[in-house]
PDB file of N, CA and C in Angstrom:
ATOM      1  N   MET A   1      38.422  80.409  53.890  1.00  0.00           N
ATOM      2  CA  MET A   1      38.643  80.615  51.278  1.00  0.00           C
ATOM      3  C   MET A   1      40.448  81.026  51.461  1.00  0.00           C
ATOM      4  N   THR A   2      40.074  79.314  50.411  1.00  0.00           N
ATOM      5  CA  THR A   2      42.246  79.086  49.776  1.00  0.00           C
ATOM      6  C   THR A   2      42.030  79.500  48.593  1.00  0.00           C
ATOM      7  N   THR A   3      43.551  80.163  48.467  1.00  0.00           N
ATOM      8  CA  THR A   3      44.163  81.404  47.854  1.00  0.00           C
ATOM      9  C   THR A   3      43.317  81.172  46.288  1.00  0.00           C
ATOM     10  N   THR A   4      43.326  79.860  45.861  1.00  0.00           N
ATOM     11  CA  THR A   4      42.581  79.926  44.359  1.00  0.00           C
ATOM     12  C   THR A   4      41.258  81.037  44.963  1.00  0.00           C
ATOM     13  N   GLN A   5      40.110  79.874  45.819  1.00  0.00           N
ATOM     14  CA  GLN A   5      38.680  80.595  45.483  1.00  0.00           C
ATOM     15  C   GLN A   5      39.117  82.841  46.208  1.00  0.00           C
ATOM     16  N   THR A   6      39.751  82.452  47.029  1.00  0.00           N
ATOM     17  CA  THR A   6      40.245  84.436  46.881  1.00  0.00           C
ATOM     18  C   THR A   6      40.559  84.893  45.957  1.00  0.00           C
ATOM     19  N   HIS A   7      40.966  84.237  44.970  1.00  0.00           N
ATOM     20  CA  HIS A   7      41.607  84.902  44.028  1.00  0.00           C
ATOM     21  C   HIS A   7      40.709  84.847  42.448  1.00  0.00           C
ATOM     22  N   GLN A   8      39.698  84.669  42.947  1.00  0.00           N
ATOM     23  CA  GLN A   8      38.708  83.770  42.522  1.00  0.00           C
ATOM     24  C   GLN A   8      37.289  85.066  42.238  1.00  0.00           C
ATOM     25  N   THR A   9      37.797  85.083  43.713  1.00  0.00           N
ATOM     26  CA  THR A   9      36.030  86.064  44.044  1.00  0.00           C
ATOM     27  C   THR A   9      36.426  87.846  44.044  1.00  0.00           C
ATOM     28  N   LEU A  10      37.812  87.557  43.688  1.00  0.00           N
ATOM     29  CA  LEU A  10      38.944  89.256  43.716  1.00  0.00           C
ATOM     30  C   LEU A  10      38.653  89.747  41.761  1.00  0.00           C
ATOM     31  N   LEU A  11      38.629  88.198  41.191  1.00  0.00           N
ATOM     32  CA  LEU A  11      38.372  88.810  40.032  1.00  0.00           C
ATOM     33  C   LEU A  11      36.893  89.313  39.358  1.00  0.00           C
ATOM     34  N   ASP A  12      36.141  87.844  40.104  1.00  0.00           N
ATOM     35  CA  ASP A  12      34.733  88.532  39.413  1.00  0.00           C
ATOM     36  C   ASP A  12      34.615  89.702  40.126  1.00  0.00           C
ATOM     37  N   ALA A  13      34.304  89.996  41.135  1.00  0.00           N
ATOM     38  CA  ALA A  13      34.757  90.844  41.539  1.00  0.00           C
ATOM     39  C   ALA A  13      35.288  92.269  40.982  1.00  0.00           C
ATOM     40  N   CYS A  14      36.353  92.297  40.088  1.00  0.00           N
ATOM     41  CA  CYS A  14      36.877  92.721  38.571  1.00  0.00           C
ATOM     42  C   CYS A  14      36.458  93.197  37.700  1.00  0.00           C
ATOM     43  N   ILE A  15      35.762  92.634  37.567  1.00  0.00           N
ATOM     44  CA  ILE A  15      35.087  92.303  36.124  1.00  0.00           C
ATOM     45  C   ILE A  15      33.531  92.948  36.207  1.00  0.00           C
ATOM     46  N   GLU A  16      33.256  92.721  36.937  1.00  0.00           N
ATOM     47  CA  GLU A  16      32.253  93.622  37.276  1.00  0.00           C
ATOM     48  C   GLU A  16      31.724  94.977  37.212  1.00  0.00           C
ATOM     49  N   ALA A  17      33.025  94.694  37.960  1.00  0.00           N
ATOM     50  CA  ALA A  17      33.068  96.123  38.111  1.00  0.00           C
ATOM     51  C   ALA A  17      33.702  97.475  37.102  1.00  0.00           C
ATOM     52  N   CYS A  18      34.853  96.633  35.957  1.00  0.00           N
ATOM     53  CA  CYS A  18      35.069  97.459  35.432  1.00  0.00           C
ATOM     54  C   CYS A  18      34.293  97.243  33.442  1.00  0.00           C
ATOM     55  N   LEU A  19      32.638  96.387  34.242  1.00  0.00           N
ATOM     56  CA  LEU A  19      31.834  96.635  33.296  1.00  0.00           C
ATOM     57  C   LEU A  19      30.858  96.847  33.903  1.00  0.00           C
ATOM     58  N   ASN A  20      30.542  97.763  34.687  1.00  0.00           N
ATOM     59  CA  ASN A  20      29.697  98.748  35.476  1.00  0.00           C
ATOM     60  C   ASN A  20      30.687 100.150  35.024  1.00  0.00           C
ATOM     61  N   CYS A  21      32.125 100.116  34.794  1.00  0.00           N
ATOM     62  CA  CYS A  21      32.821 101.505  35.044  1.00  0.00           C
ATOM     63  C   CYS A  21      32.048 102.360  33.026  1.00  0.00           C
ATOM     64  N   LEU A  22      32.543 100.035  32.498  1.00  0.00           N
ATOM     65  CA  LEU A  22      31.383 100.775  30.981  1.00  0.00           C
ATOM     66  C   LEU A  22      31.055 101.661  30.812  1.00  0.00           C
ATOM     67  N   ARG A  23      29.938 100.513  31.531  1.00  0.00           N
ATOM     68  CA  ARG A  23      28.780 100.761  31.133  1.00  0.00           C
ATOM     69  C   ARG A  23      28.315 102.442  31.487  1.00  0.00           C
ATOM     70  N   ASP A  24      28.374 102.604  32.572  1.00  0.00           N
ATOM     71  CA  ASP A  24      28.859 104.104  33.090  1.00  0.00           C
ATOM     72  C   ASP A  24      29.549 105.371  32.301  1.00  0.00           C
ATOM     73  N   CYS A  25      30.791 104.707  31.864  1.00  0.00           N
ATOM     74  CA  CYS A  25      30.884 105.855  30.952  1.00  0.00           C
ATOM     75  C   CYS A  25      31.095 105.903  29.944  1.00  0.00           C
ATOM     76  N   GLU A  26      30.110 104.752  28.703  1.00  0.00           N
ATOM     77  CA  GLU A  26      29.676 105.635  27.211  1.00  0.00           C
ATOM     78  C   GLU A  26      28.620 105.767  28.087  1.00  0.00           C
ATOM     79  N   ASN A  27      27.284 105.623  29.197  1.00  0.00           N
ATOM     80  CA  ASN A  27      26.216 106.768  29.505  1.00  0.00           C
ATOM     81  C   ASN A  27      26.554 107.666  29.244  1.00  0.00           C
ATOM     82  N   CYS A  28      28.259 108.394  30.301  1.00  0.00           N
ATOM     83  CA  CYS A  28      28.137 109.350  30.015  1.00  0.00           C
ATOM     84  C   CYS A  28      28.213 110.349  28.837  1.00  0.00           C
ATOM     85  N   ALA A  29      29.640 109.411  28.130  1.00  0.00           N
ATOM     86  CA  ALA A  29      30.536 110.617  27.027  1.00  0.00           C
ATOM     87  C   ALA A  29      28.776 110.585  26.517  1.00  0.00           C
ATOM     88  N   THR A  30      28.389 109.536  25.799  1.00  0.00           N
ATOM     89  CA  THR A  30      26.412 109.749  25.152  1.00  0.00           C
ATOM     90  C   THR A  30      25.854 110.975  25.915  1.00  0.00           C
ATOM     91  N   ALA A  31      25.776 110.741  26.643  1.00  0.00           N
ATOM     92  CA  ALA A  31      24.842 111.708  27.971  1.00  0.00           C
ATOM     93  C   ALA A  31      25.736 113.606  27.227  1.00  0.00           C
ATOM     94  N   CYS A  32      27.247 113.466  27.602  1.00  0.00           N
ATOM     95  CA  CYS A  32      27.553 114.113  27.428  1.00  0.00           C
ATOM     96  C   CYS A  32      27.726 115.153  25.694  1.00  0.00           C
ATOM     97  N   LEU A  33      27.486 113.869  25.058  1.00  0.00           N
ATOM     98  CA  LEU A  33      27.361 114.671  23.297  1.00  0.00           C
ATOM     99  C   LEU A  33      26.386 115.303  23.001  1.00  0.00           C
ATOM    100  N   ASP A  34      25.702 114.037  23.568  1.00  0.00           N
ATOM    101  CA  ASP A  34      23.350 115.237  23.041  1.00  0.00           C
ATOM    102  C   ASP A  34      23.743 116.507  23.704  1.00  0.00           C
ATOM    103  N   SER A  35      24.663 117.282  24.828  1.00  0.00           N
ATOM    104  CA  SER A  35      24.215 117.889  24.899  1.00  0.00           C
ATOM    105  C   SER A  35      24.456 119.249  25.057  1.00  0.00           C
ATOM    106  N   ASP A  36      23.742 120.101  25.287  1.00  0.00           N
ATOM    107  CA  ASP A  36      24.227 121.458  24.441  1.00  0.00           C
ATOM    108  C   ASP A  36      25.292 121.726  24.124  1.00  0.00           C
ATOM    109  N   MET A  37      26.173 121.838  25.349  1.00  0.00           N
ATOM    110  CA  MET A  37      27.539 122.387  25.740  1.00  0.00           C
ATOM    111  C   MET A  37      29.011 121.159  25.408  1.00  0.00           C
ATOM    112  N   VAL A  38      28.558 120.364  24.753  1.00  0.00           N
ATOM    113  CA  VAL A  38      29.238 119.512  23.873  1.00  0.00           C
ATOM    114  C   VAL A  38      30.701 119.856  23.704  1.00  0.00           C
ATOM    115  N   GLN A  39      31.176 121.010  23.530  1.00  0.00           N
ATOM    116  CA  GLN A  39      32.476 121.640  23.632  1.00  0.00           C
ATOM    117  C   GLN A  39      32.983 121.667  24.506  1.00  0.00           C
ATOM    118  N   MET A  40      32.384 122.890  26.291  1.00  0.00           N
ATOM    119  CA  MET A  40      33.282 122.247  26.997  1.00  0.00           C
ATOM    120  C   MET A  40      32.951 120.321  27.210  1.00  0.00           C
ATOM    121  N   MET A  41      32.622 119.442  27.116  1.00  0.00           N
ATOM    122  CA  MET A  41      32.797 117.880  27.251  1.00  0.00           C
ATOM    123  C   MET A  41      33.339 117.306  26.190  1.00  0.00           C
ATOM    124  N   ALA A  42      34.412 118.341  26.251  1.00  0.00           N
ATOM    125  CA  ALA A  42      35.206 117.357  25.383  1.00  0.00           C
ATOM    126  C   ALA A  42      35.866 116.618  26.010  1.00  0.00           C
ATOM    127  N   GLN A  43      36.553 116.925  26.854  1.00  0.00           N
ATOM    128  CA  GLN A  43      38.052 116.282  27.649  1.00  0.00           C
ATOM    129  C   GLN A  43      37.309 114.660  28.295  1.00  0.00           C
ATOM    130  N   CYS A  44      35.678 115.563  28.873  1.00  0.00           N
ATOM    131  CA  CYS A  44      34.959 114.238  29.756  1.00  0.00           C
ATOM    132  C   CYS A  44      34.963 113.011  29.221  1.00  0.00           C
ATOM    133  N   ILE A  45      34.247 113.863  27.353  1.00  0.00           N
ATOM    134  CA  ILE A  45      33.712 112.899  26.307  1.00  0.00           C
ATOM    135  C   ILE A  45      35.192 111.323  26.469  1.00  0.00           C
ATOM    136  N   LYS A  46      36.568 112.479  26.013  1.00  0.00           N
ATOM    137  CA  LYS A  46      37.792 111.513  25.384  1.00  0.00           C
ATOM    138  C   LYS A  46      37.850 111.108  26.799  1.00  0.00           C
ATOM    139  N   ARG A  47      37.885 111.006  28.856  1.00  0.00           N
ATOM    140  CA  ARG A  47      38.249 110.766  28.859  1.00  0.00           C
ATOM    141  C   ARG A  47      37.693 109.582  29.058  1.00  0.00           C
ATOM    142  N   CYS A  48      36.313 109.177  29.052  1.00  0.00           N
ATOM    143  CA  CYS A  48      34.617 108.445  28.940  1.00  0.00           C
ATOM    144  C   CYS A  48      35.101 107.371  28.129  1.00  0.00           C
ATOM    145  N   ARG A  49      35.993 108.190  27.113  1.00  0.00           N
ATOM    146  CA  ARG A  49      35.419 106.978  25.653  1.00  0.00           C
ATOM    147  C   ARG A  49      36.616 105.860  25.680  1.00  0.00           C
ATOM    148  N   ASP A  50      37.878 106.337  26.854  1.00  0.00           N
ATOM    149  CA  ASP A  50      39.206 105.854  26.960  1.00  0.00           C
ATOM    150  C   ASP A  50      38.982 104.659  28.236  1.00  0.00           C
ATOM    151  N   CYS A  51      38.756 105.644  28.745  1.00  0.00           N
ATOM    152  CA  CYS A  51      38.239 104.880  30.254  1.00  0.00           C
ATOM    153  C   CYS A  51      36.679 103.144  29.345  1.00  0.00           C
ATOM    154  N   ALA A  52      36.700 103.244  29.267  1.00  0.00           N
ATOM    155  CA  ALA A  52      34.953 102.015  29.339  1.00  0.00           C
ATOM    156  C   ALA A  52      36.220 101.381  28.211  1.00  0.00           C
ATOM    157  N   ASP A  53      36.810 101.447  27.497  1.00  0.00           N
ATOM    158  CA  ASP A  53      37.564 101.045  26.331  1.00  0.00           C
ATOM    159  C   ASP A  53      38.409 100.200  26.754  1.00  0.00           C
ATOM    160  N   THR A  54      39.526 100.548  27.927  1.00  0.00           N
ATOM    161  CA  THR A  54      41.223 100.180  28.347  1.00  0.00           C
ATOM    162  C   THR A  54      39.403  98.677  29.674  1.00  0.00           C
ATOM    163  N   CYS A  55      38.902  99.274  30.352  1.00  0.00           N
ATOM    164  CA  CYS A  55      37.625  98.673  31.325  1.00  0.00           C
ATOM    165  C   CYS A  55      37.193  96.917  29.954  1.00  0.00           C
ATOM    166  N   ALA A  56      36.935  97.611  28.636  1.00  0.00           N
ATOM    167  CA  ALA A  56      36.564  96.687  27.923  1.00  0.00           C
ATOM    168  C   ALA A  56      37.660  95.245  28.003  1.00  0.00           C
ATOM    169  N   LEU A  57      38.551  96.142  27.060  1.00  0.00           N
ATOM    170  CA  LEU A  57      39.407  95.338  27.274  1.00  0.00           C
ATOM    171  C   LEU A  57      40.280  94.331  28.070  1.00  0.00           C
ATOM    172  N   CYS A  58      39.921  95.888  29.517  1.00  0.00           N
ATOM    173  CA  CYS A  58      40.830  95.220  31.184  1.00  0.00           C
ATOM    174  C   CYS A  58      39.924  93.707  31.847  1.00  0.00           C
ATOM    175  N   ALA A  59      38.247  93.926  30.991  1.00  0.00           N
ATOM    176  CA  ALA A  59      37.447  92.351  31.221  1.00  0.00           C
ATOM    177  C   ALA A  59      37.840  91.602  30.836  1.00  0.00           C
ATOM    178  N   ARG A  60      37.836  91.882  29.367  1.00  0.00           N
ATOM    179  CA  ARG A  60      37.874  90.387  28.568  1.00  0.00           C
ATOM    180  C   ARG A  60      39.446  89.592  28.585  1.00  0.00           C
ATOM    181  N   PHE A  61      40.758  90.159  29.347  1.00  0.00           N
ATOM    182  CA  PHE A  61      41.434  90.199  29.433  1.00  0.00           C
ATOM    183  C   PHE A  61      41.703  88.867  31.172  1.00  0.00           C
ATOM    184  N   MET A  62      40.900  89.439  31.937  1.00  0.00           N
ATOM    185  CA  MET A  62      40.736  89.291  33.552  1.00  0.00           C
ATOM    186  C   MET A  62      39.426  87.327  32.789  1.00  0.00           C
ATOM    187  N   ALA A  63      38.503  88.012  32.519  1.00  0.00           N
ATOM    188  CA  ALA A  63      37.656  86.944  31.819  1.00  0.00           C
ATOM    189  C   ALA A  63      38.689  84.931  31.004  1.00  0.00           C
ATOM    190  N   ARG A  64      39.632  85.968  30.378  1.00  0.00           N
ATOM    191  CA  ARG A  64      40.334  84.297  29.208  1.00  0.00           C
ATOM    192  C   ARG A  64      41.306  83.912  30.086  1.00  0.00           C
ATOM    193  N   ASN A  65      40.910  85.437  31.478  1.00  0.00           N
ATOM    194  CA  ASN A  65      42.926  84.207  32.423  1.00  0.00           C
ATOM    195  C   ASN A  65      44.331  84.602  32.273  1.00  0.00           C
ATOM    196  N   SER A  66      44.151  85.988  30.880  1.00  0.00           N
ATOM    197  CA  SER A  66      45.267  86.226  30.770  1.00  0.00           C
ATOM    198  C   SER A  66      46.707  86.509  31.435  1.00  0.00           C
ATOM    199  N   ASP A  67      47.605  86.033  30.820  1.00  0.00           N
ATOM    200  CA  ASP A  67      48.890  86.371  32.108  1.00  0.00           C
ATOM    201  C   ASP A  67      49.099  88.183  31.512  1.00  0.00           C
ATOM    202  N   LEU A  68      48.766  88.089  31.301  1.00  0.00           N
ATOM    203  CA  LEU A  68      49.201  90.085  31.397  1.00  0.00           C
ATOM    204  C   LEU A  68      47.695  91.239  31.784  1.00  0.00           C
ATOM    205  N   HIS A  69      46.315  89.959  32.889  1.00  0.00           N
ATOM    206  CA  HIS A  69      45.998  91.204  33.650  1.00  0.00           C
ATOM    207  C   HIS A  69      45.943  91.385  34.076  1.00  0.00           C
ATOM    208  N   GLY A  70      47.061  91.194  35.587  1.00  0.00           N
ATOM    209  CA  GLY A  70      47.186  92.317  35.752  1.00  0.00           C
ATOM    210  C   GLY A  70      48.367  92.792  35.454  1.00  0.00           C
ATOM    211  N   GLN A  71      49.014  93.455  34.621  1.00  0.00           N
ATOM    212  CA  GLN A  71      49.306  94.952  34.029  1.00  0.00           C
ATOM    213  C   GLN A  71      48.903  95.987  33.008  1.00  0.00           C
ATOM    214  N   LEU A  72      47.921  94.760  33.108  1.00  0.00           N
ATOM    215  CA  LEU A  72      46.097  95.866  32.695  1.00  0.00           C
ATOM    216  C   LEU A  72      45.290  96.634  33.034  1.00  0.00           C
ATOM    217  N   CYS A  73      44.641  95.760  34.190  1.00  0.00           N
ATOM    218  CA  CYS A  73      44.429  96.242  35.655  1.00  0.00           C
ATOM    219  C   CYS A  73      44.761  97.314  36.234  1.00  0.00           C
ATOM    220  N   SER A  74      46.702  97.271  36.048  1.00  0.00           N
ATOM    221  CA  SER A  74      47.477  98.772  36.608  1.00  0.00           C
ATOM    222  C   SER A  74      46.698 100.015  35.464  1.00  0.00           C
ATOM    223  N   VAL A  75      47.014  99.792  33.868  1.00  0.00           N
ATOM    224  CA  VAL A  75      46.530 100.749  33.239  1.00  0.00           C
ATOM    225  C   VAL A  75      44.759 100.964  33.507  1.00  0.00           C
ATOM    226  N   CYS A  76      44.025 100.556  33.554  1.00  0.00           N
ATOM    227  CA  CYS A  76      42.895 100.708  33.220  1.00  0.00           C
ATOM    228  C   CYS A  76      42.619 101.578  34.635  1.00  0.00           C
ATOM    229  N   ALA A  77      43.091 100.943  35.480  1.00  0.00           N
ATOM    230  CA  ALA A  77      43.274 101.880  37.360  1.00  0.00           C
ATOM    231  C   ALA A  77      43.757 103.667  36.283  1.00  0.00           C
ATOM    232  N   GLU A  78      44.671 103.396  36.297  1.00  0.00           N
ATOM    233  CA  GLU A  78      44.601 104.694  35.768  1.00  0.00           C
ATOM    234  C   GLU A  78      43.978 105.810  34.623  1.00  0.00           C
ATOM    235  N   ALA A  79      43.031 104.819  33.702  1.00  0.00           N
ATOM    236  CA  ALA A  79      42.774 105.595  32.957  1.00  0.00           C
ATOM    237  C   ALA A  79      40.659 106.055  33.984  1.00  0.00           C
ATOM    238  N   CYS A  80      41.023 104.820  35.308  1.00  0.00           N
ATOM    239  CA  CYS A  80      39.161 105.611  35.668  1.00  0.00           C
ATOM    240  C   CYS A  80      40.067 106.432  36.421  1.00  0.00           C
ATOM    241  N   ASP A  81      41.609 106.026  37.254  1.00  0.00           N
ATOM    242  CA  ASP A  81      41.493 108.323  37.486  1.00  0.00           C
ATOM    243  C   ASP A  81      41.905 109.066  36.639  1.00  0.00           C
ATOM    244  N   ARG A  82      41.451 109.377  35.836  1.00  0.00           N
ATOM    245  CA  ARG A  82      42.237 110.408  35.587  1.00  0.00           C
ATOM    246  C   ARG A  82      40.517 110.458  34.730  1.00  0.00           C
ATOM    247  N   CYS A  83      39.180 109.709  34.981  1.00  0.00           N
ATOM    248  CA  CYS A  83      38.189 110.788  34.114  1.00  0.00           C
ATOM    249  C   CYS A  83      37.399 109.638  35.190  1.00  0.00           C
ATOM    250  N   ALA A  84      37.415 110.103  36.494  1.00  0.00           N
ATOM    251  CA  ALA A  84      36.405 110.206  37.533  1.00  0.00           C
ATOM    252  C   ALA A  84      37.096 111.762  37.212  1.00  0.00           C
ATOM    253  N   ALA A  85      38.892 112.206  37.081  1.00  0.00           N
ATOM    254  CA  ALA A  85      38.761 113.556  38.259  1.00  0.00           C
ATOM    255  C   ALA A  85      38.565 114.366  37.600  1.00  0.00           C
ATOM    256  N   GLU A  86      38.041 114.340  35.810  1.00  0.00           N
ATOM    257  CA  GLU A  86      37.466 115.440  34.640  1.00  0.00           C
ATOM    258  C   GLU A  86      36.172 114.886  35.111  1.00  0.00           C
ATOM    259  N   CYS A  87      36.016 114.384  35.529  1.00  0.00           N
ATOM    260  CA  CYS A  87      34.353 114.149  35.331  1.00  0.00           C
ATOM    261  C   CYS A  87      33.512 114.148  37.009  1.00  0.00           C
ATOM    262  N   GLU A  88      34.270 114.668  37.753  1.00  0.00           N
ATOM    263  CA  GLU A  88      33.980 114.849  39.581  1.00  0.00           C
ATOM    264  C   GLU A  88      34.273 116.472  39.101  1.00  0.00           C
ATOM    265  N   LYS A  89      34.664 117.346  38.067  1.00  0.00           N
ATOM    266  CA  LYS A  89      34.541 119.172  37.224  1.00  0.00           C
ATOM    267  C   LYS A  89      32.935 119.324  37.682  1.00  0.00           C
ATOM    268  N   HIS A  90      31.992 118.173  36.976  1.00  0.00           N
ATOM    269  CA  HIS A  90      31.759 118.853  36.101  1.00  0.00           C
ATOM    270  C   HIS A  90      29.545 118.596  37.346  1.00  0.00           C
ATOM    271  N   HIS A  91      28.664 118.924  37.506  1.00  0.00           N
ATOM    272  CA  HIS A  91      27.977 118.989  37.949  1.00  0.00           C
ATOM    273  C   HIS A  91      26.743 118.217  37.870  1.00  0.00           C
ATOM    274  N   HIS A  92      26.452 117.589  36.469  1.00  0.00           N
ATOM    275  CA  HIS A  92      25.778 116.602  35.809  1.00  0.00           C
ATOM    276  C   HIS A  92      25.243 115.588  36.701  1.00  0.00           C
ATOM    277  N   ASP A  93      24.308 115.105  36.715  1.00  0.00           N
ATOM    278  CA  ASP A  93      23.854 113.608  37.989  1.00  0.00           C
ATOM    279  C   ASP A  93      25.142 112.774  37.169  1.00  0.00           C
ATOM    280  N   HIS A  94      25.096 112.529  34.997  1.00  0.00           N
ATOM    281  CA  HIS A  94      26.116 111.468  34.734  1.00  0.00           C
ATOM    282  C   HIS A  94      27.662 111.396  35.266  1.00  0.00           C
ATOM    283  N   CYS A  95      27.431 112.661  34.939  1.00  0.00           N
ATOM    284  CA  CYS A  95      29.156 113.383  35.562  1.00  0.00           C
ATOM    285  C   CYS A  95      29.986 112.191  36.849  1.00  0.00           C
ATOM    286  N   GLN A  96      28.648 113.072  37.786  1.00  0.00           N
ATOM    287  CA  GLN A  96      29.230 112.678  39.705  1.00  0.00           C
ATOM    288  C   GLN A  96      28.940 110.244  38.750  1.00  0.00           C
ATOM    289  N   ARG A  97      28.342 110.315  38.972  1.00  0.00           N
ATOM    290  CA  ARG A  97      27.809 108.951  38.235  1.00  0.00           C
ATOM    291  C   ARG A  97      29.140 107.858  37.965  1.00  0.00           C
ATOM    292  N   CYS A  98      29.607 107.940  36.596  1.00  0.00           N
ATOM    293  CA  CYS A  98      30.658 108.097  36.554  1.00  0.00           C
ATOM    294  C   CYS A  98      31.923 108.023  36.847  1.00  0.00           C
ATOM    295  N   ALA A  99      31.791 109.444  37.434  1.00  0.00           N
ATOM    296  CA  ALA A  99      33.196 109.519  38.060  1.00  0.00           C
ATOM    297  C   ALA A  99      32.936 108.814  39.768  1.00  0.00           C
ATOM    298  N   ALA A 100      31.647 108.378  40.760  1.00  0.00           N
ATOM    299  CA  ALA A 100      31.586 107.251  41.616  1.00  0.00           C
ATOM    300  C   ALA A 100      32.519 105.695  41.133  1.00  0.00           C
ATOM    301  N   SER A 101      31.657 105.256  39.882  1.00  0.00           N
ATOM    302  CA  SER A 101      32.496 104.194  39.231  1.00  0.00           C
ATOM    303  C   SER A 101      33.479 103.863  39.211  1.00  0.00           C
ATOM    304  N   CYS A 102      33.980 104.591  38.609  1.00  0.00           N
ATOM    305  CA  CYS A 102      35.144 105.110  38.360  1.00  0.00           C
ATOM    306  C   CYS A 102      36.592 104.780  39.133  1.00  0.00           C
ATOM    307  N   ARG A 103      36.000 105.111  40.317  1.00  0.00           N
ATOM    308  CA  ARG A 103      36.732 105.435  41.713  1.00  0.00           C
ATOM    309  C   ARG A 103      36.805 104.429  42.507  1.00  0.00           C
ATOM    310  N   ARG A 104      35.366 103.458  41.961  1.00  0.00           N
ATOM    311  CA  ARG A 104      35.073 101.998  42.170  1.00  0.00           C
ATOM    312  C   ARG A 104      36.285 100.728  41.640  1.00  0.00           C
ATOM    313  N   CYS A 105      35.913 100.905  40.364  1.00  0.00           N
ATOM    314  CA  CYS A 105      37.330 100.463  39.850  1.00  0.00           C
ATOM    315  C   CYS A 105      38.613 101.036  39.691  1.00  0.00           C
ATOM    316  N   ALA A 106      38.753 101.952  39.188  1.00  0.00           N
ATOM    317  CA  ALA A 106      40.049 102.328  39.826  1.00  0.00           C
ATOM    318  C   ALA A 106      40.300 101.099  41.681  1.00  0.00           C
ATOM    319  N   GLU A 107      40.181 100.980  41.910  1.00  0.00           N
ATOM    320  CA  GLU A 107      40.257 100.601  43.476  1.00  0.00           C
ATOM    321  C   GLU A 107      40.383  98.883  43.314  1.00  0.00           C
ATOM    322  N   THR A 108      39.819  98.220  42.415  1.00  0.00           N
ATOM    323  CA  THR A 108      39.553  97.252  42.566  1.00  0.00           C
ATOM    324  C   THR A 108      40.318  96.799  41.149  1.00  0.00           C
ATOM    325  N   CYS A 109      40.605  97.549  40.356  1.00  0.00           N
ATOM    326  CA  CYS A 109      42.319  97.300  38.924  1.00  0.00           C
ATOM    327  C   CYS A 109      43.017  96.376  40.248  1.00  0.00           C
ATOM    328  N   ARG A 110      43.565  97.779  40.975  1.00  0.00           N
ATOM    329  CA  ARG A 110      44.802  98.273  42.097  1.00  0.00           C
ATOM    330  C   ARG A 110      44.901  96.877  42.992  1.00  0.00           C
ATOM    331  N   GLN A 111      43.890  96.782  43.298  1.00  0.00           N
ATOM    332  CA  GLN A 111      43.516  95.515  43.705  1.00  0.00           C
ATOM    333  C   GLN A 111      44.965  94.264  43.594  1.00  0.00           C
ATOM    334  N   MET A 112      43.822  93.978  42.425  1.00  0.00           N
ATOM    335  CA  MET A 112      43.985  93.281  41.098  1.00  0.00           C
ATOM    336  C   MET A 112      45.307  92.868  40.990  1.00  0.00           C
ATOM    337  N   ALA A 113      46.300  94.121  40.457  1.00  0.00           N
ATOM    338  CA  ALA A 113      47.036  94.201  39.930  1.00  0.00           C
ATOM    339  C   ALA A 113      47.862  94.088  41.351  1.00  0.00           C
ATOM    340  N   MET A 114      47.903  94.871  42.264  1.00  0.00           N
ATOM    341  CA  MET A 114      49.095  94.039  43.816  1.00  0.00           C
ATOM    342  C   MET A 114      48.591  92.463  43.750  1.00  0.00           C
ATOM    343  N   ALA A 115      47.173  92.039  43.416  1.00  0.00           N
ATOM    344  CA  ALA A 115      47.288  90.946  43.631  1.00  0.00           C
ATOM    345  C   ALA A 115      48.545  89.551  43.263  1.00  0.00           C
ATOM    346  N   MET A 116      48.233  90.272  41.480  1.00  0.00           N
ATOM    347  CA  MET A 116      48.464  89.605  40.576  1.00  0.00           C
ATOM    348  C   MET A 116      50.205  89.778  39.809  1.00  0.00           C
ATOM    349  N   ALA A 117      50.718  91.119  40.826  1.00  0.00           N
ATOM    350  CA  ALA A 117      51.628  91.044  41.116  1.00  0.00           C
ATOM    351  C   ALA A 117      53.244  89.954  43.210  1.00  0.00           C
ATOM    352  N   SER A 118      52.461  89.859  43.441  1.00  0.00           N
ATOM    353  CA  SER A 118      52.074  89.475  44.315  1.00  0.00           C
ATOM    354  C   SER A 118      52.265  87.943  44.792  1.00  0.00           C
ATOM    355  N   ALA A 119      51.697  87.456  42.848  1.00  0.00           N
ATOM    356  CA  ALA A 119      51.420  85.607  43.005  1.00  0.00           C
ATOM    357  C   ALA A 119      52.826  84.791  42.497  1.00  0.00           C
TER     358      ALA A 119
END
């Protein structure tokens, strides 16, 4: 596999991870807002919204091959880590799904950021 093919494979995987994470964060935030414990879930909702927005922006930057996507991937990994840490505090299925998706996305974004830094 050539360097270009390897980069494209990582890029595609990272975009997919960001979009999956975006979906899971939006689902988690919506479920938290619909719950009877919305006040208790406020921090979770905030983290999910931040993460979803960051994932969406990151996916768009990667899709257009922006020179900034490596740096944005680092920010996205941080947003994902923060969201995962908050969601892991809660027992709800949607929170656990979101946390797992965030961890996967954070790892892929870190790989992309490192690849861009060494390019």
